[in-house]
């Protein structure tokens, strides 16, 4: 409530991601290259080109991760300024991200590589092997939970960021895995609440297309707004947990029990 302008960072991130998607996927689709790519991947004739396609896919992952991490770092940086007694602005967030641009770039490359490989493995495996890949992904998410705040504050490289993130988790919450999924649950509930509107839109579409479009639009706007707020709150919460984990202090406006119970054994 003190810094409503922080909502701008997820908005700008979404716009930037949409621009990246539009600038890459649409030209491929319009030129027919996307269909050719899919056909090549499904035939033995295109097998020798798989390495090139994988490289292109990894590059796409990298750009998307860079956009997300850049704006997330700016948002978390502003939250840390507020917790430190300052009054952050959007410009402050951008300055922090730009100051740590090399570290953000390297971290985006690491996250893109790991995320791409895990996604590739998960698509190839079935059963227990797929479950193990998912478990590795969850463990990686836990290990890197504080990586972005550490990059913003300390300006270290990816390896040191992971080490310090793991150390902060172990020091404050022991060996527990993340089980605090409140923001995810809220986002899911926000979507479920709108399902009757979507159903109503489908039901009345044959008789009143204008009203159906209106109902669907209201539902989509609601879901987008809720997820916008939850994304911002999630980043603020991560900044608060980082302060508690590293400095042992309870940030203003947060309860000590909330900090202690944010992580727990699953």
C-alpha atoms as a PDB file:
ATOM      1  CA  UNK A   1       0.000   0.000   0.000  1.00  0.00           C
ATOM      2  CA  UNK A   2       2.959   2.320   0.579  1.00  0.00           C
ATOM      3  CA  UNK A   3       4.432   1.664  -2.870  1.00  0.00           C
ATOM      4  CA  UNK A   4       1.640   1.011  -5.341  1.00  0.00           C
ATOM      5  CA  UNK A   5       4.021   1.872  -8.173  1.00  0.00           C
ATOM      6  CA  UNK A   6       5.671  -1.516  -7.616  1.00  0.00           C
ATOM      7  CA  UNK A   7       2.745  -2.997  -9.538  1.00  0.00           C
ATOM      8  CA  UNK A   8       4.281  -1.441 -12.644  1.00  0.00           C
ATOM      9  CA  UNK A   9       7.160  -3.935 -12.669  1.00  0.00           C
ATOM     10  CA  UNK A  10       5.008  -7.051 -13.332  1.00  0.00           C
ATOM     11  CA  UNK A  11       3.061  -5.057 -15.938  1.00  0.00           C
ATOM     12  CA  UNK A  12       6.237  -4.017 -17.741  1.00  0.00           C
ATOM     13  CA  UNK A  13       7.580  -7.550 -17.467  1.00  0.00           C
ATOM     14  CA  UNK A  14       4.410  -8.964 -19.051  1.00  0.00           C
ATOM     15  CA  UNK A  15       4.549  -6.389 -21.861  1.00  0.00           C
ATOM     16  CA  UNK A  16       8.215  -7.156 -22.507  1.00  0.00           C
ATOM     17  CA  UNK A  17       7.513 -10.914 -22.597  1.00  0.00           C
ATOM     18  CA  UNK A  18       4.584 -10.389 -24.956  1.00  0.00           C
ATOM     19  CA  UNK A  19       6.865  -8.329 -27.195  1.00  0.00           C
ATOM     20  CA  UNK A  20       9.474 -11.093 -27.220  1.00  0.00           C
ATOM     21  CA  UNK A  21       6.835 -13.704 -28.068  1.00  0.00           C
ATOM     22  CA  UNK A  22       5.349 -11.521 -30.778  1.00  0.00           C
ATOM     23  CA  UNK A  23       8.739 -10.717 -32.294  1.00  0.00           C
ATOM     24  CA  UNK A  24       9.766 -14.389 -32.486  1.00  0.00           C
ATOM     25  CA  UNK A  25       6.716 -16.624 -32.812  1.00  0.00           C
ATOM     26  CA  UNK A  26       4.587 -14.498 -35.155  1.00  0.00           C
ATOM     27  CA  UNK A  27       7.226 -14.067 -37.901  1.00  0.00           C
ATOM     28  CA  UNK A  28       7.882 -17.824 -37.786  1.00  0.00           C
ATOM     29  CA  UNK A  29       4.160 -18.551 -38.017  1.00  0.00           C
ATOM     30  CA  UNK A  30       3.511 -16.005 -40.776  1.00  0.00           C
ATOM     31  CA  UNK A  31       6.393 -17.267 -42.911  1.00  0.00           C
ATOM     32  CA  UNK A  32       5.487 -20.928 -42.451  1.00  0.00           C
ATOM     33  CA  UNK A  33       8.827 -21.627 -40.765  1.00  0.00           C
ATOM     34  CA  UNK A  34       7.097 -22.734 -37.571  1.00  0.00           C
ATOM     35  CA  UNK A  35       5.204 -25.485 -39.395  1.00  0.00           C
ATOM     36  CA  UNK A  36       8.400 -26.573 -41.130  1.00  0.00           C
ATOM     37  CA  UNK A  37      10.173 -26.694 -37.776  1.00  0.00           C
ATOM     38  CA  UNK A  38       7.489 -28.930 -36.274  1.00  0.00           C
ATOM     39  CA  UNK A  39       7.578 -31.226 -39.300  1.00  0.00           C
ATOM     40  CA  UNK A  40      11.377 -31.476 -39.176  1.00  0.00           C
ATOM     41  CA  UNK A  41      11.296 -32.431 -35.505  1.00  0.00           C
ATOM     42  CA  UNK A  42       8.801 -35.192 -36.215  1.00  0.00           C
ATOM     43  CA  UNK A  43      10.759 -36.774 -39.054  1.00  0.00           C
ATOM     44  CA  UNK A  44      14.074 -38.562 -39.256  1.00  0.00           C
ATOM     45  CA  UNK A  45      15.117 -36.214 -42.027  1.00  0.00           C
ATOM     46  CA  UNK A  46      15.206 -33.343 -39.564  1.00  0.00           C
ATOM     47  CA  UNK A  47      17.058 -35.259 -36.850  1.00  0.00           C
ATOM     48  CA  UNK A  48      20.419 -33.734 -37.790  1.00  0.00           C
ATOM     49  CA  UNK A  49      18.952 -30.283 -37.304  1.00  0.00           C
ATOM     50  CA  UNK A  50      17.765 -30.997 -33.750  1.00  0.00           C
ATOM     51  CA  UNK A  51      20.914 -29.505 -32.254  1.00  0.00           C
ATOM     52  CA  UNK A  52      20.287 -26.228 -34.045  1.00  0.00           C
ATOM     53  CA  UNK A  53      16.659 -26.197 -32.921  1.00  0.00           C
ATOM     54  CA  UNK A  54      17.717 -26.906 -29.341  1.00  0.00           C
ATOM     55  CA  UNK A  55      20.136 -23.985 -29.486  1.00  0.00           C
ATOM     56  CA  UNK A  56      17.362 -21.702 -30.769  1.00  0.00           C
ATOM     57  CA  UNK A  57      15.031 -22.962 -28.020  1.00  0.00           C
ATOM     58  CA  UNK A  58      17.660 -22.316 -25.367  1.00  0.00           C
ATOM     59  CA  UNK A  59      18.179 -18.815 -26.713  1.00  0.00           C
ATOM     60  CA  UNK A  60      14.445 -18.161 -26.491  1.00  0.00           C
ATOM     61  CA  UNK A  61      14.421 -19.457 -22.905  1.00  0.00           C
ATOM     62  CA  UNK A  62      17.336 -17.161 -22.069  1.00  0.00           C
ATOM     63  CA  UNK A  63      15.617 -14.029 -23.371  1.00  0.00           C
ATOM     64  CA  UNK A  64      12.423 -14.832 -21.452  1.00  0.00           C
ATOM     65  CA  UNK A  65      14.296 -15.564 -18.232  1.00  0.00           C
ATOM     66  CA  UNK A  66      16.340 -12.384 -18.623  1.00  0.00           C
ATOM     67  CA  UNK A  67      13.195 -10.265 -18.908  1.00  0.00           C
ATOM     68  CA  UNK A  68      11.578 -11.922 -15.873  1.00  0.00           C
ATOM     69  CA  UNK A  69      14.690 -11.723 -13.683  1.00  0.00           C
ATOM     70  CA  UNK A  70      15.481  -8.135 -14.697  1.00  0.00           C
ATOM     71  CA  UNK A  71      12.100  -6.787 -13.616  1.00  0.00           C
ATOM     72  CA  UNK A  72      11.901  -9.109 -10.610  1.00  0.00           C
ATOM     73  CA  UNK A  73      15.272  -7.853  -9.401  1.00  0.00           C
ATOM     74  CA  UNK A  74      14.044  -4.269  -9.749  1.00  0.00           C
ATOM     75  CA  UNK A  75      10.897  -5.047  -7.764  1.00  0.00           C
ATOM     76  CA  UNK A  76      12.754  -6.897  -5.002  1.00  0.00           C
ATOM     77  CA  UNK A  77      15.332  -4.109  -4.863  1.00  0.00           C
ATOM     78  CA  UNK A  78      12.579  -1.542  -4.271  1.00  0.00           C
ATOM     79  CA  UNK A  79      11.071  -3.726  -1.534  1.00  0.00           C
ATOM     80  CA  UNK A  80      14.459  -3.965   0.175  1.00  0.00           C
ATOM     81  CA  UNK A  81      14.801  -0.173   0.026  1.00  0.00           C
ATOM     82  CA  UNK A  82      11.397   0.185   1.715  1.00  0.00           C
ATOM     83  CA  UNK A  83      12.327  -2.342   4.415  1.00  0.00           C
ATOM     84  CA  UNK A  84      15.537  -0.380   4.959  1.00  0.00           C
ATOM     85  CA  UNK A  85      13.550   2.763   5.758  1.00  0.00           C
ATOM     86  CA  UNK A  86      13.751   4.385   2.320  1.00  0.00           C
ATOM     87  CA  UNK A  87      11.082   5.496  -0.120  1.00  0.00           C
ATOM     88  CA  UNK A  88      11.782   3.642  -3.387  1.00  0.00           C
ATOM     89  CA  UNK A  89      10.769   4.743  -6.861  1.00  0.00           C
ATOM     90  CA  UNK A  90      10.508   2.850 -10.125  1.00  0.00           C
ATOM     91  CA  UNK A  91      13.742   4.540 -11.214  1.00  0.00           C
ATOM     92  CA  UNK A  92      15.499   3.126  -8.127  1.00  0.00           C
ATOM     93  CA  UNK A  93      14.481  -0.361  -9.162  1.00  0.00           C
ATOM     94  CA  UNK A  94      15.791   0.072 -12.681  1.00  0.00           C
ATOM     95  CA  UNK A  95      19.060   1.498 -11.361  1.00  0.00           C
ATOM     96  CA  UNK A  96      19.558  -1.573  -9.169  1.00  0.00           C
ATOM     97  CA  UNK A  97      18.884  -3.932 -12.059  1.00  0.00           C
ATOM     98  CA  UNK A  98      21.144  -2.034 -14.435  1.00  0.00           C
ATOM     99  CA  UNK A  99      23.898  -1.909 -11.824  1.00  0.00           C
ATOM    100  CA  UNK A 100      23.765  -5.704 -11.587  1.00  0.00           C
ATOM    101  CA  UNK A 101      23.188  -6.316 -15.295  1.00  0.00           C
ATOM    102  CA  UNK A 102      26.189  -8.679 -15.754  1.00  0.00           C
ATOM    103  CA  UNK A 103      25.097 -10.799 -12.783  1.00  0.00           C
ATOM    104  CA  UNK A 104      21.476 -10.813 -13.990  1.00  0.00           C
ATOM    105  CA  UNK A 105      22.596 -11.883 -17.465  1.00  0.00           C
ATOM    106  CA  UNK A 106      24.678 -14.766 -16.110  1.00  0.00           C
ATOM    107  CA  UNK A 107      21.896 -15.834 -13.765  1.00  0.00           C
ATOM    108  CA  UNK A 108      19.364 -15.753 -16.603  1.00  0.00           C
ATOM    109  CA  UNK A 109      21.693 -17.997 -18.623  1.00  0.00           C
ATOM    110  CA  UNK A 110      21.967 -20.456 -15.727  1.00  0.00           C
ATOM    111  CA  UNK A 111      18.220 -20.494 -15.088  1.00  0.00           C
ATOM    112  CA  UNK A 112      17.440 -20.847 -18.804  1.00  0.00           C
ATOM    113  CA  UNK A 113      19.871 -23.741 -19.193  1.00  0.00           C
ATOM    114  CA  UNK A 114      18.589 -25.612 -16.146  1.00  0.00           C
ATOM    115  CA  UNK A 115      14.948 -24.911 -16.955  1.00  0.00           C
ATOM    116  CA  UNK A 116      15.368 -25.919 -20.596  1.00  0.00           C
ATOM    117  CA  UNK A 117      17.157 -29.169 -19.739  1.00  0.00           C
ATOM    118  CA  UNK A 118      14.592 -30.104 -17.082  1.00  0.00           C
ATOM    119  CA  UNK A 119      11.742 -29.389 -19.492  1.00  0.00           C
ATOM    120  CA  UNK A 120      13.449 -31.441 -22.190  1.00  0.00           C
ATOM    121  CA  UNK A 121      14.007 -34.378 -19.839  1.00  0.00           C
ATOM    122  CA  UNK A 122      10.471 -34.219 -18.480  1.00  0.00           C
ATOM    123  CA  UNK A 123       9.058 -34.361 -22.005  1.00  0.00           C
ATOM    124  CA  UNK A 124      11.145 -37.449 -22.802  1.00  0.00           C
ATOM    125  CA  UNK A 125      10.590 -39.477 -19.626  1.00  0.00           C
ATOM    126  CA  UNK A 126       7.537 -41.182 -18.178  1.00  0.00           C
ATOM    127  CA  UNK A 127       6.565 -42.643 -14.810  1.00  0.00           C
ATOM    128  CA  UNK A 128       9.149 -42.647 -12.029  1.00  0.00           C
ATOM    129  CA  UNK A 129      11.841 -41.006 -14.151  1.00  0.00           C
ATOM    130  CA  UNK A 130       9.537 -38.074 -14.875  1.00  0.00           C
ATOM    131  CA  UNK A 131       8.702 -37.795 -11.177  1.00  0.00           C
ATOM    132  CA  UNK A 132      12.423 -37.661 -10.334  1.00  0.00           C
ATOM    133  CA  UNK A 133      12.963 -34.884 -12.876  1.00  0.00           C
ATOM    134  CA  UNK A 134      10.115 -32.959 -11.281  1.00  0.00           C
ATOM    135  CA  UNK A 135      11.646 -33.503  -7.851  1.00  0.00           C
ATOM    136  CA  UNK A 136      14.990 -32.170  -9.082  1.00  0.00           C
ATOM    137  CA  UNK A 137      13.206 -29.108 -10.435  1.00  0.00           C
ATOM    138  CA  UNK A 138      11.508 -28.525  -7.083  1.00  0.00           C
ATOM    139  CA  UNK A 139      14.819 -28.902  -5.244  1.00  0.00           C
ATOM    140  CA  UNK A 140      16.427 -26.398  -7.630  1.00  0.00           C
ATOM    141  CA  UNK A 141      13.611 -23.913  -6.932  1.00  0.00           C
ATOM    142  CA  UNK A 142      14.239 -24.255  -3.195  1.00  0.00           C
ATOM    143  CA  UNK A 143      18.008 -23.901  -3.557  1.00  0.00           C
ATOM    144  CA  UNK A 144      17.688 -20.727  -5.641  1.00  0.00           C
ATOM    145  CA  UNK A 145      14.860 -19.127  -3.667  1.00  0.00           C
ATOM    146  CA  UNK A 146      17.014 -16.209  -2.461  1.00  0.00           C
ATOM    147  CA  UNK A 147      19.281 -15.978  -5.509  1.00  0.00           C
ATOM    148  CA  UNK A 148      17.734 -12.797  -6.944  1.00  0.00           C
ATOM    149  CA  UNK A 149      17.781 -10.827  -3.646  1.00  0.00           C
ATOM    150  CA  UNK A 150      21.398 -11.911  -3.174  1.00  0.00           C
ATOM    151  CA  UNK A 151      22.257 -10.743  -6.688  1.00  0.00           C
ATOM    152  CA  UNK A 152      20.650  -7.370  -5.983  1.00  0.00           C
ATOM    153  CA  UNK A 153      22.281  -6.834  -2.591  1.00  0.00           C
ATOM    154  CA  UNK A 154      25.692  -8.452  -3.000  1.00  0.00           C
ATOM    155  CA  UNK A 155      26.196  -8.391  -6.769  1.00  0.00           C
ATOM    156  CA  UNK A 156      27.795 -11.862  -6.784  1.00  0.00           C
ATOM    157  CA  UNK A 157      27.927 -14.433  -9.559  1.00  0.00           C
ATOM    158  CA  UNK A 158      25.552 -17.378 -10.060  1.00  0.00           C
ATOM    159  CA  UNK A 159      27.645 -19.920  -8.135  1.00  0.00           C
ATOM    160  CA  UNK A 160      27.987 -17.723  -5.047  1.00  0.00           C
ATOM    161  CA  UNK A 161      24.312 -16.757  -5.290  1.00  0.00           C
ATOM    162  CA  UNK A 162      23.226 -20.412  -5.157  1.00  0.00           C
ATOM    163  CA  UNK A 163      25.630 -21.192  -2.294  1.00  0.00           C
ATOM    164  CA  UNK A 164      24.421 -18.242  -0.225  1.00  0.00           C
ATOM    165  CA  UNK A 165      20.784 -19.007  -1.003  1.00  0.00           C
ATOM    166  CA  UNK A 166      21.168 -22.604   0.181  1.00  0.00           C
ATOM    167  CA  UNK A 167      23.054 -21.438   3.277  1.00  0.00           C
ATOM    168  CA  UNK A 168      20.279 -18.963   4.142  1.00  0.00           C
ATOM    169  CA  UNK A 169      17.602 -21.647   3.795  1.00  0.00           C
ATOM    170  CA  UNK A 170      19.527 -24.169   5.916  1.00  0.00           C
ATOM    171  CA  UNK A 171      20.511 -21.624   8.561  1.00  0.00           C
ATOM    172  CA  UNK A 172      17.010 -20.291   9.137  1.00  0.00           C
ATOM    173  CA  UNK A 173      14.673 -23.166   8.322  1.00  0.00           C
ATOM    174  CA  UNK A 174      16.944 -26.202   8.541  1.00  0.00           C
ATOM    175  CA  UNK A 175      16.551 -28.874   5.878  1.00  0.00           C
ATOM    176  CA  UNK A 176      12.861 -28.141   5.297  1.00  0.00           C
ATOM    177  CA  UNK A 177      11.463 -27.934   1.782  1.00  0.00           C
ATOM    178  CA  UNK A 178       9.248 -25.093   0.694  1.00  0.00           C
ATOM    179  CA  UNK A 179       5.646 -25.767   1.614  1.00  0.00           C
ATOM    180  CA  UNK A 180       4.319 -22.214   1.735  1.00  0.00           C
ATOM    181  CA  UNK A 181       2.188 -22.070  -1.400  1.00  0.00           C
ATOM    182  CA  UNK A 182      -0.301 -19.439  -0.277  1.00  0.00           C
ATOM    183  CA  UNK A 183       0.123 -17.173  -3.296  1.00  0.00           C
ATOM    184  CA  UNK A 184      -0.332 -20.087  -5.687  1.00  0.00           C
ATOM    185  CA  UNK A 185      -3.486 -21.166  -3.882  1.00  0.00           C
ATOM    186  CA  UNK A 186      -4.888 -17.629  -4.012  1.00  0.00           C
ATOM    187  CA  UNK A 187      -4.174 -17.402  -7.717  1.00  0.00           C
ATOM    188  CA  UNK A 188      -5.928 -20.711  -8.287  1.00  0.00           C
ATOM    189  CA  UNK A 189      -8.938 -19.619  -6.256  1.00  0.00           C
ATOM    190  CA  UNK A 190      -9.144 -16.365  -8.222  1.00  0.00           C
ATOM    191  CA  UNK A 191      -9.333 -18.411 -11.417  1.00  0.00           C
ATOM    192  CA  UNK A 192     -11.903 -20.846 -10.014  1.00  0.00           C
ATOM    193  CA  UNK A 193     -14.160 -17.987  -8.939  1.00  0.00           C
ATOM    194  CA  UNK A 194     -14.327 -16.834 -12.558  1.00  0.00           C
ATOM    195  CA  UNK A 195     -15.186 -20.245 -14.011  1.00  0.00           C
ATOM    196  CA  UNK A 196     -18.965 -19.619 -13.735  1.00  0.00           C
ATOM    197  CA  UNK A 197     -18.504 -16.437 -15.794  1.00  0.00           C
ATOM    198  CA  UNK A 198     -16.608 -18.348 -18.475  1.00  0.00           C
ATOM    199  CA  UNK A 199     -19.284 -21.038 -18.430  1.00  0.00           C
ATOM    200  CA  UNK A 200     -21.983 -18.358 -18.709  1.00  0.00           C
ATOM    201  CA  UNK A 201     -20.180 -16.791 -21.638  1.00  0.00           C
ATOM    202  CA  UNK A 202     -20.106 -20.120 -23.477  1.00  0.00           C
ATOM    203  CA  UNK A 203     -23.780 -20.761 -22.619  1.00  0.00           C
ATOM    204  CA  UNK A 204     -25.123 -17.459 -23.946  1.00  0.00           C
ATOM    205  CA  UNK A 205     -22.701 -17.102 -26.874  1.00  0.00           C
ATOM    206  CA  UNK A 206     -25.164 -18.555 -29.438  1.00  0.00           C
ATOM    207  CA  UNK A 207     -27.870 -16.034 -28.484  1.00  0.00           C
ATOM    208  CA  UNK A 208     -25.854 -12.973 -27.399  1.00  0.00           C
ATOM    209  CA  UNK A 209     -22.259 -12.820 -28.550  1.00  0.00           C
ATOM    210  CA  UNK A 210     -21.821  -9.283 -27.178  1.00  0.00           C
ATOM    211  CA  UNK A 211     -22.769 -10.298 -23.642  1.00  0.00           C
ATOM    212  CA  UNK A 212     -20.645 -13.441 -23.886  1.00  0.00           C
ATOM    213  CA  UNK A 213     -17.608 -11.373 -24.880  1.00  0.00           C
ATOM    214  CA  UNK A 214     -18.357  -8.979 -22.021  1.00  0.00           C
ATOM    215  CA  UNK A 215     -18.499 -11.765 -19.436  1.00  0.00           C
ATOM    216  CA  UNK A 216     -15.284 -13.348 -20.722  1.00  0.00           C
ATOM    217  CA  UNK A 217     -13.570  -9.949 -20.697  1.00  0.00           C
ATOM    218  CA  UNK A 218     -14.580  -9.273 -17.078  1.00  0.00           C
ATOM    219  CA  UNK A 219     -13.308 -12.695 -16.021  1.00  0.00           C
ATOM    220  CA  UNK A 220      -9.977 -12.241 -17.805  1.00  0.00           C
ATOM    221  CA  UNK A 221      -9.444  -8.762 -16.368  1.00  0.00           C
ATOM    222  CA  UNK A 222     -10.167 -10.079 -12.862  1.00  0.00           C
ATOM    223  CA  UNK A 223      -7.693 -12.947 -13.237  1.00  0.00           C
ATOM    224  CA  UNK A 224      -5.011 -10.630 -14.633  1.00  0.00           C
ATOM    225  CA  UNK A 225      -5.455  -8.062 -11.851  1.00  0.00           C
ATOM    226  CA  UNK A 226      -5.386 -10.673  -9.085  1.00  0.00           C
ATOM    227  CA  UNK A 227      -2.273 -12.324 -10.500  1.00  0.00           C
ATOM    228  CA  UNK A 228      -0.650  -8.913 -10.921  1.00  0.00           C
ATOM    229  CA  UNK A 229      -1.139  -8.144  -7.236  1.00  0.00           C
ATOM    230  CA  UNK A 230      -0.084 -11.634  -6.140  1.00  0.00           C
ATOM    231  CA  UNK A 231       3.083 -11.484  -8.243  1.00  0.00           C
ATOM    232  CA  UNK A 232       4.024  -8.195  -6.603  1.00  0.00           C
ATOM    233  CA  UNK A 233       3.216  -9.454  -3.112  1.00  0.00           C
ATOM    234  CA  UNK A 234       5.219 -12.622  -3.724  1.00  0.00           C
ATOM    235  CA  UNK A 235       8.325 -10.595  -4.601  1.00  0.00           C
ATOM    236  CA  UNK A 236       7.847  -8.366  -1.538  1.00  0.00           C
ATOM    237  CA  UNK A 237       7.454 -11.452   0.645  1.00  0.00           C
ATOM    238  CA  UNK A 238      10.652 -12.927  -0.789  1.00  0.00           C
ATOM    239  CA  UNK A 239      12.519  -9.711   0.056  1.00  0.00           C
ATOM    240  CA  UNK A 240      11.149  -9.794   3.615  1.00  0.00           C
ATOM    241  CA  UNK A 241      12.129 -13.455   4.048  1.00  0.00           C
ATOM    242  CA  UNK A 242      15.604 -12.656   2.743  1.00  0.00           C
ATOM    243  CA  UNK A 243      16.090  -9.976   5.413  1.00  0.00           C
ATOM    244  CA  UNK A 244      14.880 -12.378   8.080  1.00  0.00           C
ATOM    245  CA  UNK A 245      17.088 -15.220   6.838  1.00  0.00           C
ATOM    246  CA  UNK A 246      20.277 -13.194   6.416  1.00  0.00           C
ATOM    247  CA  UNK A 247      20.007 -10.511   9.091  1.00  0.00           C
ATOM    248  CA  UNK A 248      17.699 -12.231  11.566  1.00  0.00           C
ATOM    249  CA  UNK A 249      15.471  -9.136  11.713  1.00  0.00           C
ATOM    250  CA  UNK A 250      11.708  -8.999  11.257  1.00  0.00           C
ATOM    251  CA  UNK A 251      10.849  -6.412   8.568  1.00  0.00           C
ATOM    252  CA  UNK A 252       8.246  -3.799   9.379  1.00  0.00           C
ATOM    253  CA  UNK A 253       4.605  -4.840   8.840  1.00  0.00           C
ATOM    254  CA  UNK A 254       5.475  -8.552   9.206  1.00  0.00           C
ATOM    255  CA  UNK A 255       4.790 -10.911  12.065  1.00  0.00           C
ATOM    256  CA  UNK A 256       7.632 -12.966  13.555  1.00  0.00           C
ATOM    257  CA  UNK A 257       5.569 -16.166  13.460  1.00  0.00           C
ATOM    258  CA  UNK A 258       4.857 -15.576   9.777  1.00  0.00           C
ATOM    259  CA  UNK A 259       8.594 -15.457   9.093  1.00  0.00           C
ATOM    260  CA  UNK A 260       9.261 -18.619  11.088  1.00  0.00           C
ATOM    261  CA  UNK A 261       6.442 -20.588   9.480  1.00  0.00           C
ATOM    262  CA  UNK A 262       7.054 -19.467   5.894  1.00  0.00           C
ATOM    263  CA  UNK A 263       8.959 -22.703   5.285  1.00  0.00           C
ATOM    264  CA  UNK A 264       8.153 -26.071   6.743  1.00  0.00           C
ATOM    265  CA  UNK A 265       8.583 -29.772   6.240  1.00  0.00           C
ATOM    266  CA  UNK A 266       6.349 -31.188   3.533  1.00  0.00           C
END
